[in-house]
């Protein structure tokens, strides 16, 4: 029996749908796979950059700590006991060094912290010899210390006033023990096999989750080769053990190290099967609906030809009348049988929300707000860091609002904020507590320097023309935090009392808190 037109229409539609669905799923598979790979590469690149920035900040801090104590060390080069005390203090404050040492220009260790039994001995290790030879600030490549540890030396040279080389002040990092690198990177791993590692400028592993690999040379790795060329970026790579990874990498100029964050290739594509199944599952109802409509439509398309065939079979009868045959011609003007299936694929991007955005800026002045000051104070107190505070209040500010209006008052507040920022240094933080109350937090600044800054600001305000064109003045209270015995509330009370005293003494004054 020959197949009917309806059968062939349904067959054509069936094959068309299978072809469209297959090609859509296949193209979606290709695009989604590419998207997952690109997302993984980008995430690892951004992640490595973040970790590199963190590491670079720590290095800069470590080198700054060594530089800051150089004068004290040079002053007591002939006093090992005092040098030991200085190193003990630096070890506690620096936190990131595993040990510290002072070594003379003859290579003999003068003092160490903690006491590792090398004081008085000549040190012939590679790092010390390199530092003695170069007589400059260096970060060495990994080497075996006299204690048998695999270490990195951060060294700064010591010169007297006559520029005579006295030796060096060293900070040491124990690579295979707890150190600041592990503190930054150890938590950065994932159950999908992602991990972070660090190499030095010669391609030697400085950090790796597998501690027994620290000190291993991985120069053959393409990512490491890029880092050795001082490059940053992302790439698909096979590691030295033949495993395929998607890696992001960042070069750290301060230490000439490189940070690599990488994810196994297969792990990056794990979501792909689930995405494709969902796409097929979501498209299935539309496919079924289309087949039902196609079944109904095929009947209408085949009906005129069916009537014509029946008419021809019955054409021998005398009663057959051509006028009785009514054929629908509606489909002749149809340009297509079906509409194109909607594009099923929608590009999906995985997003990682590390934290909720929290506003820390005063909307009027652009200064930091009270919330920021709380966070900064907490950090300074936690790290027992020296800091001072200037509390500022505009004299007779209510008169400004009463005479010129609140809009003009806002302009005066912004005027003061701009003067505060232009007068203070980069490390100082200008904050608006609310209303016309402002403070400046000065990390690492002594009281006398703080007072001079407050006076400079007061004079600048007094001699400048504000938006109202009418002279304004400020009163300030200044205090230095007593690190060992003062709470934040006590400090703020002292500086507030100093501000009150400045106002009670006629305003336009700066008073140091007692």
Protein backbone atom coordinates (compact mmCIF):
# COMPACT_ATOMS: atom_id res chain seq x y z
CA UNK A 1 0.00 0.00 0.00
CA UNK A 2 1.39 3.37 -0.98
CA UNK A 3 1.96 5.95 1.71
CA UNK A 4 -0.38 8.89 1.91
CA UNK A 5 0.55 12.55 1.66
CA UNK A 6 -0.28 12.94 5.31
CA UNK A 7 2.29 10.25 6.20
CA UNK A 8 5.02 12.02 4.23
CA UNK A 9 4.14 15.39 5.73
CA UNK A 10 4.36 13.93 9.23
CA UNK A 11 7.61 12.16 8.31
CA UNK A 12 9.12 15.39 6.95
CA UNK A 13 8.06 17.31 10.04
CA UNK A 14 9.45 14.58 12.30
CA UNK A 15 12.85 14.57 10.63
CA UNK A 16 12.89 18.37 10.53
CA UNK A 17 12.16 18.58 14.24
CA UNK A 18 14.81 16.01 15.09
CA UNK A 19 17.36 17.85 12.95
CA UNK A 20 16.50 21.25 14.45
CA UNK A 21 16.47 19.92 18.00
CA UNK A 22 19.76 18.07 17.49
CA UNK A 23 21.51 21.02 15.87
CA UNK A 24 20.18 23.37 18.56
CA UNK A 25 21.35 21.09 21.35
CA UNK A 26 24.68 20.52 19.65
CA UNK A 27 25.32 24.23 19.06
CA UNK A 28 24.17 24.92 22.62
CA UNK A 29 26.57 22.26 23.85
CA UNK A 30 29.47 23.88 22.00
CA UNK A 31 28.60 27.41 23.14
CA UNK A 32 27.94 26.35 26.74
CA UNK A 33 31.17 24.37 26.90
CA UNK A 34 33.12 27.35 25.59
CA UNK A 35 31.35 29.63 28.08
CA UNK A 36 32.16 27.33 31.02
CA UNK A 37 35.82 27.21 30.00
CA UNK A 38 36.03 30.98 29.57
CA UNK A 39 34.28 31.57 32.90
CA UNK A 40 36.63 29.18 34.68
CA UNK A 41 39.69 30.82 33.10
CA UNK A 42 38.42 34.30 34.01
CA UNK A 43 37.56 33.31 37.58
CA UNK A 44 40.99 31.76 38.10
CA UNK A 45 42.69 34.81 36.59
CA UNK A 46 40.76 37.19 38.84
CA UNK A 47 41.34 34.91 41.83
CA UNK A 48 45.09 34.71 41.23
CA UNK A 49 45.19 38.50 40.87
CA UNK A 50 43.41 38.92 44.19
CA UNK A 51 45.81 36.55 45.96
CA UNK A 52 48.81 38.20 44.28
CA UNK A 53 47.68 41.61 45.48
CA UNK A 54 47.28 40.26 49.01
CA UNK A 55 50.74 38.67 48.88
CA UNK A 56 52.33 41.83 47.46
CA UNK A 57 50.83 43.93 50.25
CA UNK A 58 52.29 41.54 52.82
CA UNK A 59 55.73 41.68 51.16
CA UNK A 60 55.70 45.44 51.10
CA UNK A 61 54.75 45.43 54.77
CA UNK A 62 57.53 42.95 55.64
CA UNK A 63 60.16 45.00 53.79
CA UNK A 64 58.86 48.19 55.37
CA UNK A 65 59.16 46.61 58.84
CA UNK A 66 62.78 45.71 58.18
CA UNK A 67 63.55 49.18 56.82
CA UNK A 68 61.89 50.83 59.82
CA UNK A 69 64.10 48.99 62.32
CA UNK A 70 67.38 49.45 60.45
CA UNK A 71 68.43 52.58 62.40
CA UNK A 72 67.99 50.79 65.74
CA UNK A 73 69.90 47.75 64.49
CA UNK A 74 72.78 49.85 63.13
CA UNK A 75 72.96 51.75 66.40
CA UNK A 76 73.40 48.54 68.44
CA UNK A 77 75.54 46.45 66.08
CA UNK A 78 78.03 45.93 68.90
CA UNK A 79 75.39 44.85 71.43
CA UNK A 80 74.03 41.34 70.62
CA UNK A 81 71.73 41.40 73.63
CA UNK A 82 70.04 44.62 72.56
CA UNK A 83 69.90 43.38 68.98
CA UNK A 84 68.10 40.27 70.20
CA UNK A 85 65.53 42.44 71.98
CA UNK A 86 65.00 44.47 68.80
CA UNK A 87 64.54 41.30 66.75
CA UNK A 88 62.12 39.87 69.33
CA UNK A 89 60.00 43.03 69.10
CA UNK A 90 60.13 43.01 65.31
CA UNK A 91 59.16 39.33 65.17
CA UNK A 92 56.11 40.00 67.32
CA UNK A 93 55.03 43.13 65.44
CA UNK A 94 55.84 41.83 61.97
CA UNK A 95 54.00 38.49 62.43
CA UNK A 96 54.85 37.31 58.92
CA UNK A 97 58.47 36.26 59.54
CA UNK A 98 59.30 32.83 60.92
CA UNK A 99 62.64 34.12 62.22
CA UNK A 100 64.89 37.19 62.12
CA UNK A 101 68.63 37.64 62.23
CA UNK A 102 71.39 40.22 62.08
CA UNK A 103 74.52 39.05 60.23
CA UNK A 104 77.75 41.01 60.07
CA UNK A 105 79.71 41.87 56.95
CA UNK A 106 81.91 38.84 57.63
CA UNK A 107 78.94 36.47 57.44
CA UNK A 108 78.86 35.80 61.21
CA UNK A 109 75.42 35.74 62.84
CA UNK A 110 75.32 38.42 65.58
CA UNK A 111 71.77 37.88 66.88
CA UNK A 112 68.66 35.85 66.02
CA UNK A 113 65.05 35.65 67.05
CA UNK A 114 64.02 33.10 68.04
CA UNK A 115 67.29 31.62 69.25
CA UNK A 116 68.07 28.87 66.73
CA UNK A 117 71.64 28.29 67.89
CA UNK A 118 73.54 30.00 65.08
CA UNK A 119 74.56 33.26 66.83
CA UNK A 120 78.35 33.60 66.75
CA UNK A 121 78.70 31.19 63.82
CA UNK A 122 79.65 32.05 60.27
CA UNK A 123 76.74 31.40 57.91
CA UNK A 124 77.69 29.95 54.54
CA UNK A 125 74.17 29.32 53.21
CA UNK A 126 73.35 30.38 49.64
CA UNK A 127 70.91 33.11 50.63
CA UNK A 128 73.27 34.79 53.07
CA UNK A 129 76.16 34.62 50.62
CA UNK A 130 73.96 36.15 47.91
CA UNK A 131 72.93 39.02 50.22
CA UNK A 132 76.56 39.63 51.28
CA UNK A 133 77.63 39.73 47.66
CA UNK A 134 74.89 42.07 46.37
CA UNK A 135 74.74 44.37 49.45
CA UNK A 136 71.18 45.37 48.55
CA UNK A 137 67.61 44.51 49.50
CA UNK A 138 66.76 41.10 48.06
CA UNK A 139 64.32 38.22 48.26
CA UNK A 140 66.28 35.05 47.66
CA UNK A 141 65.31 31.90 45.87
CA UNK A 142 64.60 28.88 48.11
CA UNK A 143 67.64 27.26 49.68
CA UNK A 144 68.59 24.93 52.53
CA UNK A 145 69.53 26.88 55.65
CA UNK A 146 72.14 25.75 58.13
CA UNK A 147 69.26 24.47 60.26
CA UNK A 148 68.25 22.12 57.45
CA UNK A 149 65.04 23.98 56.67
CA UNK A 150 63.96 25.03 53.18
CA UNK A 151 63.77 28.81 53.51
CA UNK A 152 63.52 32.12 51.72
CA UNK A 153 65.52 35.09 52.95
CA UNK A 154 64.22 38.68 52.84
CA UNK A 155 67.30 40.81 53.44
CA UNK A 156 68.07 44.52 53.74
CA UNK A 157 71.65 45.86 53.94
CA UNK A 158 73.05 47.87 56.85
CA UNK A 159 75.32 50.88 56.22
CA UNK A 160 76.70 53.36 58.74
CA UNK A 161 76.79 57.13 58.28
CA UNK A 162 80.04 56.85 56.36
CA UNK A 163 78.37 54.38 53.99
CA UNK A 164 80.46 51.49 55.30
CA UNK A 165 78.78 48.13 54.87
CA UNK A 166 78.08 46.64 58.31
CA UNK A 167 76.08 43.56 57.39
CA UNK A 168 72.40 42.86 56.94
CA UNK A 169 69.06 42.52 58.69
CA UNK A 170 67.23 39.38 57.58
CA UNK A 171 63.73 37.99 57.82
CA UNK A 172 63.27 34.29 57.09
CA UNK A 173 60.24 32.33 55.81
CA UNK A 174 60.17 28.57 56.48
CA UNK A 175 58.56 27.20 53.33
CA UNK A 176 57.63 23.76 54.69
CA UNK A 177 56.27 25.07 57.98
CA UNK A 178 53.51 27.47 58.94
CA UNK A 179 54.16 30.81 57.25
CA UNK A 180 52.31 33.83 55.90
CA UNK A 181 52.07 32.28 52.42
CA UNK A 182 50.15 29.34 53.80
CA UNK A 183 48.02 31.64 55.90
CA UNK A 184 46.93 33.49 52.75
CA UNK A 185 46.61 30.52 50.41
CA UNK A 186 45.94 27.39 52.47
CA UNK A 187 42.18 27.95 52.61
CA UNK A 188 41.90 28.50 48.87
CA UNK A 189 41.04 25.06 47.59
CA UNK A 190 37.86 23.40 46.39
CA UNK A 191 36.33 19.96 46.41
CA UNK A 192 36.33 20.04 42.60
CA UNK A 193 40.14 19.74 42.62
CA UNK A 194 40.94 23.44 42.24
CA UNK A 195 44.02 24.68 44.10
CA UNK A 196 46.59 27.45 44.26
CA UNK A 197 50.38 27.27 44.06
CA UNK A 198 53.21 29.83 44.06
CA UNK A 199 56.54 29.77 42.22
CA UNK A 200 59.59 32.00 42.44
CA UNK A 201 61.36 33.71 39.55
CA UNK A 202 63.27 30.52 38.71
CA UNK A 203 60.18 28.32 38.54
CA UNK A 204 60.60 26.66 41.94
CA UNK A 205 57.51 25.85 44.01
CA UNK A 206 57.28 28.23 46.98
CA UNK A 207 53.84 27.02 48.04
CA UNK A 208 51.84 23.95 47.08
CA UNK A 209 49.01 22.11 48.90
CA UNK A 210 51.27 19.03 48.83
CA UNK A 211 54.07 20.20 51.15
CA UNK A 212 56.51 17.57 49.95
CA UNK A 213 56.49 19.26 46.53
CA UNK A 214 57.68 22.61 47.90
CA UNK A 215 61.14 23.29 46.50
CA UNK A 216 60.42 21.28 43.33
CA UNK A 217 61.28 22.90 39.99
CA UNK A 218 58.30 23.15 37.61
CA UNK A 219 59.89 25.20 34.83
CA UNK A 220 58.41 22.94 32.15
CA UNK A 221 54.89 24.06 33.04
CA UNK A 222 53.65 26.56 30.40
CA UNK A 223 52.05 28.76 33.07
CA UNK A 224 55.30 28.88 35.02
CA UNK A 225 57.20 29.76 31.86
CA UNK A 226 54.85 32.72 31.34
CA UNK A 227 55.36 33.83 34.94
CA UNK A 228 59.13 33.64 34.51
CA UNK A 229 58.64 36.12 31.64
CA UNK A 230 56.78 38.40 34.11
CA UNK A 231 53.45 37.79 32.33
CA UNK A 232 49.93 37.44 33.77
CA UNK A 233 46.78 35.95 32.24
CA UNK A 234 44.93 32.65 31.83
CA UNK A 235 45.48 29.52 29.76
CA UNK A 236 44.51 25.87 29.26
CA UNK A 237 47.52 23.86 30.34
CA UNK A 238 48.84 20.41 31.17
CA UNK A 239 50.78 20.44 34.43
CA UNK A 240 54.08 18.66 35.00
CA UNK A 241 52.15 15.51 35.94
CA UNK A 242 50.21 15.45 32.66
CA UNK A 243 46.88 16.64 34.09
CA UNK A 244 44.82 19.17 32.12
CA UNK A 245 43.87 22.38 33.98
CA UNK A 246 42.31 25.76 33.36
CA UNK A 247 44.71 28.17 35.01
CA UNK A 248 44.79 31.87 35.87
CA UNK A 249 48.15 33.34 36.85
CA UNK A 250 49.51 36.67 38.13
CA UNK A 251 53.10 37.93 38.43
CA UNK A 252 54.05 39.70 41.70
CA UNK A 253 56.62 42.45 40.97
CA UNK A 254 57.54 42.99 44.64
CA UNK A 255 58.89 39.46 45.10
CA UNK A 256 59.19 38.34 41.44
CA UNK A 257 56.94 35.41 42.35
CA UNK A 258 53.90 34.12 40.53
CA UNK A 259 50.53 32.98 41.88
CA UNK A 260 48.60 30.31 39.96
CA UNK A 261 44.96 29.40 40.57
CA UNK A 262 43.82 26.41 38.54
CA UNK A 263 40.83 24.11 38.13
CA UNK A 264 40.83 20.63 36.55
CA UNK A 265 39.49 20.78 32.99
CA UNK A 266 36.94 18.03 33.64
CA UNK A 267 35.70 19.67 36.83
CA UNK A 268 35.02 22.91 34.96
CA UNK A 269 32.77 21.00 32.55
CA UNK A 270 30.88 19.05 35.21
CA UNK A 271 27.81 21.35 34.99
CA UNK A 272 27.59 20.83 31.21
CA UNK A 273 25.58 17.59 31.24
CA UNK A 274 23.10 19.02 33.72
CA UNK A 275 22.64 22.16 31.61
CA UNK A 276 22.05 20.14 28.44
CA UNK A 277 19.54 17.87 30.20
CA UNK A 278 17.61 20.90 31.44
CA UNK A 279 17.59 22.42 27.96
CA UNK A 280 16.20 19.17 26.49
CA UNK A 281 13.70 18.81 29.33
CA UNK A 282 12.43 22.37 28.93
CA UNK A 283 12.15 22.02 25.15
CA UNK A 284 10.27 18.70 25.28
CA UNK A 285 6.79 20.18 26.02
CA UNK A 286 7.16 22.54 23.06
CA UNK A 287 8.18 19.65 20.81
CA UNK A 288 5.18 17.58 21.91
CA UNK A 289 2.81 20.49 21.37
CA UNK A 290 4.25 21.06 17.92
CA UNK A 291 3.66 17.42 16.96
CA UNK A 292 0.01 17.62 18.02
CA UNK A 293 -0.48 20.76 15.93
CA UNK A 294 1.39 19.16 13.03
CA UNK A 295 -0.88 16.11 13.23
CA UNK A 296 -3.96 18.34 13.03
CA UNK A 297 -2.48 20.53 10.32
CA UNK A 298 -1.45 17.55 8.17
CA UNK A 299 -5.09 16.50 8.01
CA UNK A 300 -6.08 19.88 6.64
CA UNK A 301 -3.19 19.91 4.19
CA UNK A 302 -3.98 16.40 2.89
CA UNK A 303 -7.78 16.80 2.91
CA UNK A 304 -8.07 18.65 -0.43
CA UNK A 305 -5.93 16.08 -2.23
CA UNK A 306 -7.83 13.26 -0.53
CA UNK A 307 -11.11 14.70 -1.72
CA UNK A 308 -9.66 15.04 -5.20
CA UNK A 309 -8.53 11.38 -5.20
CA UNK A 310 -11.94 10.18 -4.05
CA UNK A 311 -13.55 12.36 -6.65
CA UNK A 312 -11.46 10.76 -9.42
CA UNK A 313 -12.37 7.30 -8.20
CA UNK A 314 -16.02 8.23 -8.38
CA UNK A 315 -15.69 10.18 -11.60
CA UNK A 316 -17.22 7.35 -13.71
CA UNK A 317 -20.57 7.83 -12.07
CA UNK A 318 -22.90 9.95 -14.09
CA UNK A 319 -23.98 11.92 -11.10
CA UNK A 320 -20.48 13.19 -10.57
CA UNK A 321 -20.47 16.96 -10.75
CA UNK A 322 -17.21 18.90 -10.75
CA UNK A 323 -18.93 21.82 -9.14
CA UNK A 324 -19.68 19.65 -6.12
CA UNK A 325 -15.94 19.31 -5.45
CA UNK A 326 -14.89 22.20 -3.22
CA UNK A 327 -11.14 22.29 -2.54
CA UNK A 328 -9.71 24.60 0.05
CA UNK A 329 -6.86 26.67 -1.34
CA UNK A 330 -5.84 28.47 1.87
CA UNK A 331 -2.49 26.68 2.28
CA UNK A 332 -1.20 27.60 -1.18
CA UNK A 333 -0.35 31.05 0.07
CA UNK A 334 1.27 29.84 3.25
CA UNK A 335 5.02 30.42 3.09
CA UNK A 336 6.01 27.95 5.74
CA UNK A 337 4.45 25.05 7.62
CA UNK A 338 5.79 25.79 10.96
CA UNK A 339 7.41 28.62 12.82
CA UNK A 340 11.01 28.37 13.85
CA UNK A 341 11.48 26.91 17.28
CA UNK A 342 12.57 29.49 19.74
CA UNK A 343 16.21 29.48 20.57
CA UNK A 344 16.47 27.23 23.62
CA UNK A 345 19.87 28.19 24.68
CA UNK A 346 20.36 31.07 27.04
CA UNK A 347 23.86 31.75 28.09
CA UNK A 348 24.33 31.11 31.82
CA UNK A 349 27.05 32.64 33.88
CA UNK A 350 28.01 31.46 37.30
CA UNK A 351 28.31 34.29 39.73
CA UNK A 352 30.00 34.20 43.15
CA UNK A 353 28.77 36.62 45.74
CA UNK A 354 31.56 36.85 48.33
CA UNK A 355 29.91 39.53 50.38
CA UNK A 356 27.00 41.98 50.41
CA UNK A 357 27.77 45.50 49.41
CA UNK A 358 27.90 47.85 52.32
CA UNK A 359 28.12 51.57 51.85
CA UNK A 360 31.03 53.12 53.68
CA UNK A 361 30.89 56.60 52.15
CA UNK A 362 29.10 59.74 53.29
CA UNK A 363 26.86 60.72 50.31
CA UNK A 364 27.14 64.48 50.89
CA UNK A 365 30.87 65.00 51.34
CA UNK A 366 32.36 61.88 49.75
CA UNK A 367 34.31 61.18 52.96
CA UNK A 368 34.21 57.87 54.79
CA UNK A 369 31.32 57.51 57.22
CA UNK A 370 30.90 56.45 60.84
CA UNK A 371 30.62 52.76 59.92
CA UNK A 372 34.00 52.92 58.23
CA UNK A 373 35.54 54.58 61.28
CA UNK A 374 34.28 51.73 63.47
CA UNK A 375 35.89 49.15 61.18
CA UNK A 376 39.15 51.10 60.99
CA UNK A 377 39.33 51.61 64.76
CA UNK A 378 38.68 47.89 65.31
CA UNK A 379 41.51 46.99 62.93
CA UNK A 380 43.96 49.43 64.51
CA UNK A 381 43.14 48.22 68.02
CA UNK A 382 43.34 44.57 67.01
CA UNK A 383 46.83 45.05 65.59
CA UNK A 384 47.94 47.32 68.47
CA UNK A 385 48.92 49.96 65.95
CA UNK A 386 49.85 53.47 66.95
CA UNK A 387 47.38 56.10 65.77
CA UNK A 388 46.09 59.58 66.56
CA UNK A 389 42.74 61.30 66.11
CA UNK A 390 41.68 64.83 65.23
CA UNK A 391 38.07 65.70 66.08
CA UNK A 392 36.79 68.75 64.17
CA UNK A 393 33.71 70.90 64.59
CA UNK A 394 32.70 73.99 62.58
CA UNK A 395 32.36 77.03 64.83
CA UNK A 396 28.85 78.52 64.91
CA UNK A 397 27.66 76.23 62.14
CA UNK A 398 24.05 76.81 63.14
CA UNK A 399 24.49 80.46 62.18
CA UNK A 400 25.51 79.39 58.70
CA UNK A 401 22.31 77.39 58.27
CA UNK A 402 20.19 80.15 59.81
CA UNK A 403 21.75 82.91 57.71
CA UNK A 404 22.32 81.22 54.38
CA UNK A 405 20.06 78.16 54.45
CA UNK A 406 20.70 74.45 54.67
CA UNK A 407 21.87 74.16 51.05
CA UNK A 408 24.63 76.64 51.77
CA UNK A 409 25.36 74.73 54.97
CA UNK A 410 25.82 71.58 52.92
CA UNK A 411 28.23 73.42 50.62
CA UNK A 412 30.24 74.53 53.67
CA UNK A 413 30.41 70.92 54.86
CA UNK A 414 31.71 69.86 51.45
CA UNK A 415 34.16 72.75 51.53
CA UNK A 416 35.56 71.52 54.85
CA UNK A 417 35.70 67.94 53.58
CA UNK A 418 37.76 69.01 50.55
CA UNK A 419 40.16 70.96 52.76
CA UNK A 420 40.55 67.98 55.08
CA UNK A 421 41.45 65.70 52.18
CA UNK A 422 43.86 68.16 50.58
CA UNK A 423 45.61 68.84 53.90
CA UNK A 424 45.94 65.27 55.18
CA UNK A 425 48.32 62.62 53.85
CA UNK A 426 47.45 59.53 51.83
CA UNK A 427 47.50 57.23 54.85
CA UNK A 428 45.22 59.49 56.89
CA UNK A 429 41.48 58.80 56.76
CA UNK A 430 38.98 61.68 56.77
CA UNK A 431 35.56 60.80 58.19
CA UNK A 432 32.26 62.57 58.65
CA UNK A 433 30.59 61.29 61.81
CA UNK A 434 27.40 63.25 61.18
CA UNK A 435 26.17 66.82 61.07
CA UNK A 436 29.18 69.13 61.30
CA UNK A 437 31.23 66.57 63.27
CA UNK A 438 34.33 65.30 61.48
CA UNK A 439 37.37 63.30 62.50
CA UNK A 440 40.68 62.45 60.91
CA UNK A 441 42.28 59.13 61.86
CA UNK A 442 46.07 59.14 61.43
CA UNK A 443 47.60 55.63 61.59
CA UNK A 444 51.23 55.56 62.69
CA UNK A 445 51.28 59.30 63.46
CA UNK A 446 52.60 60.77 66.71
CA UNK A 447 50.74 63.38 68.72
CA UNK A 448 52.97 66.34 67.80
CA UNK A 449 52.69 65.64 64.07
CA UNK A 450 48.95 65.25 64.48
CA UNK A 451 48.73 68.62 66.23
CA UNK A 452 50.70 70.28 63.43
CA UNK A 453 48.34 68.81 60.83
CA UNK A 454 45.29 70.00 62.79
CA UNK A 455 46.76 73.49 63.02
CA UNK A 456 47.56 73.49 59.32
CA UNK A 457 43.95 72.59 58.56
CA UNK A 458 42.61 75.21 60.98
CA UNK A 459 44.70 77.97 59.37
CA UNK A 460 43.75 76.78 55.89
CA UNK A 461 40.04 77.03 56.76
CA UNK A 462 40.46 80.40 58.46
CA UNK A 463 42.28 81.94 55.50
CA UNK A 464 40.18 80.41 52.71
CA UNK A 465 36.96 81.78 51.24
CA UNK A 466 34.06 79.37 51.84
CA UNK A 467 31.05 79.01 49.49
CA UNK A 468 29.08 81.53 51.61
CA UNK A 469 31.84 84.14 51.08
CA UNK A 470 31.78 84.67 54.84
CA UNK A 471 34.72 83.55 56.91
CA UNK A 472 34.31 80.35 58.93
CA UNK A 473 36.58 78.76 61.53
CA UNK A 474 36.93 75.34 63.10
CA UNK A 475 37.84 74.02 66.52
CA UNK A 476 39.75 70.77 66.95
CA UNK A 477 40.65 68.29 69.63
CA UNK A 478 43.76 66.15 69.16
CA UNK A 479 44.73 62.93 70.93
CA UNK A 480 47.14 60.04 70.55
CA UNK A 481 45.87 56.58 71.47
CA UNK A 482 47.56 55.08 74.51
CA UNK A 483 48.16 51.63 73.08
CA UNK A 484 48.70 49.66 76.27
CA UNK A 485 45.98 50.98 78.53
CA UNK A 486 43.26 52.93 76.73
CA UNK A 487 39.97 51.78 75.24
CA UNK A 488 38.44 53.42 72.18
CA UNK A 489 35.67 55.01 74.23
CA UNK A 490 38.23 56.55 76.60
CA UNK A 491 40.18 57.92 73.65
CA UNK A 492 37.08 59.44 72.05
CA UNK A 493 36.05 60.96 75.36
CA UNK A 494 39.48 62.57 75.74
CA UNK A 495 39.48 64.03 72.26
CA UNK A 496 35.87 65.19 72.66
CA UNK A 497 36.78 66.96 75.89
CA UNK A 498 39.71 68.63 74.11
CA UNK A 499 37.32 69.82 71.38
CA UNK A 500 34.93 71.18 74.03
CA UNK A 501 37.84 72.99 75.68
CA UNK A 502 38.83 74.53 72.33
CA UNK A 503 35.31 75.89 71.92
CA UNK A 504 35.11 77.14 75.50
CA UNK A 505 38.40 79.03 75.04
CA UNK A 506 36.98 81.12 72.24
CA UNK A 507 36.89 78.66 69.31
CA UNK A 508 39.20 78.67 66.27
CA UNK A 509 41.67 76.67 68.35
CA UNK A 510 43.37 73.29 68.43
CA UNK A 511 43.66 71.69 71.87
CA UNK A 512 45.68 68.58 72.71
CA UNK A 513 43.81 66.10 74.88
CA UNK A 514 45.31 65.36 78.27
